[in-house]
Structure formats: structure tokens, C-alpha cells
Amino acid sequence: GIVDGKVLLDLNYIEDSAADVDMNVAMNKAGQLIEIQGTSEAAPFDREQLDAMLDSATAGIRKLLRLQRQAVKQAMGATQ
């Protein structure tokens, strides 16, 4: 989302309640978009801000997927 003019990833409750823009993004492991839901809560946003939010979401999702793969790999190694 956007809070105080800054693009933030994974807003906490306080940030979310103060957000100018709230956006949810879901992607699959191939990087394809499944869902984009963006809402202007207090101020409209432009294409540049949309692209920045999508770039941030993509980086965050890729990091989560990498961490999930590592956790599964470690868990599988621990059960063998």
C-alpha cells in the first residue's frame, strides 16, 4: 500500500488504517498474477505508484516463496 506517500509492503494494522492506498496481490510460483485488488482509501494513485506497489509485491512474494522452499527442504531433510 501507500502510507504518507511511501510504498510499503505487508502493512501492519496501524499502517493499514492510515493508508492512502491499500493493495492486495497474489502470484503463483511462476510469477503470474492471480489477484490484484487496489483501493484508493484516502487519495488516488497514479501508474508510477501502481508499478512501484507491484514491484514491491513481486519482490516480497518471491522472497516468501524462497523461504518456504528452504523450510520445506529443511523439514524434508529432518524427517529422513
N, C-alpha and C. Protein backbone atom coordinates (compact mmCIF):
# COMPACT_ATOMS: atom_id res chain seq x y z
N GLY A 1 0.82 -1.19 0.00
CA GLY A 1 0.00 0.00 0.00
C GLY A 1 0.86 1.24 0.00
N ILE A 2 0.19 2.37 0.12
CA ILE A 2 0.89 3.65 0.20
C ILE A 2 0.45 4.33 1.48
N VAL A 3 1.44 4.68 2.29
CA VAL A 3 1.21 5.39 3.55
C VAL A 3 2.12 6.61 3.56
N ASP A 4 1.55 7.77 3.77
CA ASP A 4 2.33 9.02 3.78
C ASP A 4 3.19 9.17 2.53
N GLY A 5 2.65 8.76 1.39
CA GLY A 5 3.36 8.89 0.11
C GLY A 5 4.42 7.84 -0.16
N LYS A 6 4.59 6.88 0.76
CA LYS A 6 5.62 5.84 0.60
C LYS A 6 4.96 4.50 0.33
N VAL A 7 5.54 3.74 -0.60
CA VAL A 7 5.08 2.38 -0.86
C VAL A 7 5.63 1.47 0.23
N LEU A 8 4.73 0.76 0.90
CA LEU A 8 5.11 -0.17 1.96
C LEU A 8 4.60 -1.56 1.63
N LEU A 9 5.33 -2.55 2.08
CA LEU A 9 4.97 -3.95 1.85
C LEU A 9 4.43 -4.55 3.14
N ASP A 10 3.37 -5.31 3.03
CA ASP A 10 2.79 -6.05 4.16
C ASP A 10 2.46 -5.12 5.33
N LEU A 11 1.50 -4.26 5.10
CA LEU A 11 1.13 -3.26 6.10
C LEU A 11 0.64 -3.90 7.39
N ASN A 12 1.08 -3.33 8.50
CA ASN A 12 0.53 -3.76 9.78
C ASN A 12 -0.78 -3.00 10.02
N TYR A 13 -1.44 -3.26 11.14
CA TYR A 13 -2.75 -2.67 11.39
C TYR A 13 -2.70 -1.14 11.39
N ILE A 14 -1.72 -0.57 12.06
CA ILE A 14 -1.63 0.89 12.15
C ILE A 14 -1.39 1.49 10.77
N GLU A 15 -0.47 0.89 9.99
CA GLU A 15 -0.21 1.38 8.64
C GLU A 15 -1.44 1.23 7.75
N ASP A 16 -2.10 0.09 7.85
CA ASP A 16 -3.27 -0.17 7.02
C ASP A 16 -4.39 0.82 7.32
N SER A 17 -4.58 1.13 8.59
CA SER A 17 -5.66 2.05 8.94
C SER A 17 -5.35 3.49 8.54
N ALA A 18 -4.08 3.80 8.28
CA ALA A 18 -3.68 5.14 7.85
C ALA A 18 -3.35 5.20 6.36
N ALA A 19 -3.55 4.11 5.64
CA ALA A 19 -3.11 4.02 4.24
C ALA A 19 -3.90 4.94 3.32
N ASP A 20 -3.18 5.57 2.41
CA ASP A 20 -3.82 6.31 1.33
C ASP A 20 -4.33 5.35 0.27
N VAL A 21 -3.58 4.27 0.08
CA VAL A 21 -3.93 3.22 -0.89
C VAL A 21 -3.68 1.87 -0.24
N ASP A 22 -4.62 0.97 -0.43
CA ASP A 22 -4.48 -0.40 0.06
C ASP A 22 -4.49 -1.32 -1.14
N MET A 23 -3.53 -2.25 -1.20
CA MET A 23 -3.46 -3.15 -2.35
C MET A 23 -3.11 -4.56 -1.89
N ASN A 24 -3.80 -5.52 -2.46
CA ASN A 24 -3.51 -6.94 -2.24
C ASN A 24 -3.07 -7.54 -3.57
N VAL A 25 -2.03 -8.36 -3.51
CA VAL A 25 -1.50 -9.01 -4.71
C VAL A 25 -1.24 -10.47 -4.40
N ALA A 26 -1.68 -11.35 -5.28
CA ALA A 26 -1.38 -12.78 -5.17
C ALA A 26 -0.75 -13.23 -6.48
N MET A 27 0.32 -14.04 -6.35
CA MET A 27 1.03 -14.56 -7.51
C MET A 27 1.30 -16.04 -7.30
N ASN A 28 1.50 -16.76 -8.40
CA ASN A 28 1.92 -18.15 -8.28
C ASN A 28 3.45 -18.22 -8.37
N LYS A 29 3.98 -19.42 -8.23
CA LYS A 29 5.44 -19.56 -8.20
C LYS A 29 6.11 -19.21 -9.52
N ALA A 30 5.33 -19.19 -10.61
CA ALA A 30 5.88 -18.80 -11.90
C ALA A 30 5.90 -17.28 -12.08
N GLY A 31 5.40 -16.56 -11.07
CA GLY A 31 5.38 -15.11 -11.14
C GLY A 31 4.18 -14.55 -11.86
N GLN A 32 3.21 -15.41 -12.15
CA GLN A 32 1.99 -14.95 -12.81
C GLN A 32 1.03 -14.40 -11.77
N LEU A 33 0.35 -13.34 -12.14
CA LEU A 33 -0.59 -12.71 -11.23
C LEU A 33 -1.89 -13.51 -11.13
N ILE A 34 -2.34 -13.69 -9.91
CA ILE A 34 -3.60 -14.38 -9.64
C ILE A 34 -4.66 -13.36 -9.25
N GLU A 35 -4.25 -12.39 -8.43
CA GLU A 35 -5.19 -11.37 -7.99
C GLU A 35 -4.48 -10.06 -7.75
N ILE A 36 -5.11 -8.98 -8.16
CA ILE A 36 -4.68 -7.63 -7.81
C ILE A 36 -5.94 -6.90 -7.36
N GLN A 37 -5.90 -6.38 -6.16
CA GLN A 37 -7.01 -5.60 -5.64
C GLN A 37 -6.43 -4.34 -5.03
N GLY A 38 -6.65 -3.21 -5.67
CA GLY A 38 -6.13 -1.96 -5.17
C GLY A 38 -7.24 -0.96 -4.96
N THR A 39 -7.22 -0.29 -3.82
CA THR A 39 -8.28 0.64 -3.48
C THR A 39 -7.69 1.95 -2.98
N SER A 40 -8.17 3.02 -3.53
CA SER A 40 -7.81 4.34 -3.01
C SER A 40 -8.63 4.58 -1.76
N GLU A 41 -7.95 4.61 -0.62
CA GLU A 41 -8.63 4.81 0.65
C GLU A 41 -8.78 6.30 0.96
N ALA A 42 -7.73 7.08 0.70
CA ALA A 42 -7.76 8.50 1.04
C ALA A 42 -7.29 9.39 -0.11
N ALA A 43 -6.53 8.81 -1.04
CA ALA A 43 -6.00 9.60 -2.15
C ALA A 43 -5.84 8.70 -3.37
N PRO A 44 -6.09 9.23 -4.56
CA PRO A 44 -5.88 8.43 -5.76
C PRO A 44 -4.40 8.15 -5.97
N PHE A 45 -4.11 7.15 -6.80
CA PHE A 45 -2.72 6.81 -7.11
C PHE A 45 -2.55 6.77 -8.61
N ASP A 46 -1.30 6.99 -9.03
CA ASP A 46 -1.02 7.03 -10.46
C ASP A 46 -0.33 5.74 -10.91
N ARG A 47 -0.06 5.66 -12.18
CA ARG A 47 0.53 4.46 -12.77
C ARG A 47 1.92 4.18 -12.20
N GLU A 48 2.70 5.22 -11.95
CA GLU A 48 4.03 5.05 -11.38
C GLU A 48 3.94 4.42 -9.99
N GLN A 49 2.99 4.85 -9.19
CA GLN A 49 2.80 4.28 -7.86
C GLN A 49 2.28 2.84 -7.95
N LEU A 50 1.40 2.59 -8.90
CA LEU A 50 0.91 1.22 -9.12
C LEU A 50 2.07 0.30 -9.47
N ASP A 51 2.91 0.73 -10.39
CA ASP A 51 4.08 -0.08 -10.76
C ASP A 51 5.00 -0.32 -9.57
N ALA A 52 5.20 0.71 -8.74
CA ALA A 52 6.06 0.57 -7.56
C ALA A 52 5.46 -0.43 -6.58
N MET A 53 4.13 -0.39 -6.39
CA MET A 53 3.49 -1.35 -5.49
C MET A 53 3.59 -2.77 -6.04
N LEU A 54 3.41 -2.93 -7.36
CA LEU A 54 3.53 -4.26 -7.96
C LEU A 54 4.97 -4.77 -7.88
N ASP A 55 5.94 -3.90 -8.08
CA ASP A 55 7.35 -4.30 -7.96
C ASP A 55 7.66 -4.75 -6.52
N SER A 56 7.17 -4.00 -5.55
CA SER A 56 7.39 -4.35 -4.15
C SER A 56 6.72 -5.67 -3.82
N ALA A 57 5.48 -5.85 -4.26
CA ALA A 57 4.76 -7.10 -4.01
C ALA A 57 5.47 -8.28 -4.65
N THR A 58 5.95 -8.11 -5.88
CA THR A 58 6.65 -9.18 -6.57
C THR A 58 7.91 -9.59 -5.81
N ALA A 59 8.68 -8.62 -5.37
CA ALA A 59 9.90 -8.92 -4.60
C ALA A 59 9.55 -9.63 -3.30
N GLY A 60 8.52 -9.17 -2.60
CA GLY A 60 8.13 -9.79 -1.35
C GLY A 60 7.63 -11.21 -1.53
N ILE A 61 6.82 -11.42 -2.56
CA ILE A 61 6.30 -12.77 -2.83
C ILE A 61 7.43 -13.71 -3.21
N ARG A 62 8.35 -13.26 -4.04
CA ARG A 62 9.50 -14.11 -4.40
C ARG A 62 10.31 -14.50 -3.18
N LYS A 63 10.51 -13.54 -2.26
CA LYS A 63 11.25 -13.84 -1.03
C LYS A 63 10.49 -14.87 -0.19
N LEU A 64 9.19 -14.70 -0.04
CA LEU A 64 8.38 -15.66 0.71
C LEU A 64 8.45 -17.05 0.10
N LEU A 65 8.34 -17.13 -1.22
CA LEU A 65 8.41 -18.43 -1.89
C LEU A 65 9.76 -19.10 -1.67
N ARG A 66 10.84 -18.30 -1.73
CA ARG A 66 12.18 -18.83 -1.50
C ARG A 66 12.31 -19.37 -0.06
N LEU A 67 11.82 -18.60 0.90
CA LEU A 67 11.88 -19.04 2.29
C LEU A 67 11.02 -20.28 2.53
N GLN A 68 9.88 -20.36 1.88
CA GLN A 68 9.02 -21.54 2.00
C GLN A 68 9.72 -22.78 1.44
N ARG A 69 10.36 -22.63 0.27
CA ARG A 69 11.07 -23.76 -0.32
C ARG A 69 12.20 -24.23 0.60
N GLN A 70 12.93 -23.29 1.19
CA GLN A 70 14.01 -23.64 2.11
C GLN A 70 13.47 -24.37 3.34
N ALA A 71 12.35 -23.89 3.88
CA ALA A 71 11.76 -24.51 5.07
C ALA A 71 11.29 -25.93 4.77
N VAL A 72 10.68 -26.12 3.62
CA VAL A 72 10.22 -27.46 3.23
C VAL A 72 11.41 -28.38 3.02
N LYS A 73 12.45 -27.88 2.37
CA LYS A 73 13.65 -28.68 2.14
C LYS A 73 14.28 -29.10 3.46
N GLN A 74 14.37 -28.17 4.41
CA GLN A 74 14.93 -28.49 5.73
C GLN A 74 14.06 -29.49 6.47
N ALA A 75 12.75 -29.30 6.39
CA ALA A 75 11.83 -30.22 7.06
C ALA A 75 11.92 -31.62 6.46
N MET A 76 12.07 -31.69 5.16
CA MET A 76 12.17 -33.00 4.49
C MET A 76 13.49 -33.67 4.88
N GLY A 77 14.55 -32.90 5.02
CA GLY A 77 15.84 -33.44 5.43
C GLY A 77 15.82 -33.93 6.87
N ALA A 78 15.03 -33.28 7.70
CA ALA A 78 14.95 -33.64 9.11
C ALA A 78 14.13 -34.93 9.32
N THR A 79 13.27 -35.27 8.36
CA THR A 79 12.43 -36.46 8.52
C THR A 79 13.07 -37.70 7.91
N GLN A 80 14.20 -37.53 7.28
CA GLN A 80 14.83 -38.68 6.63
C GLN A 80 15.83 -39.34 7.55
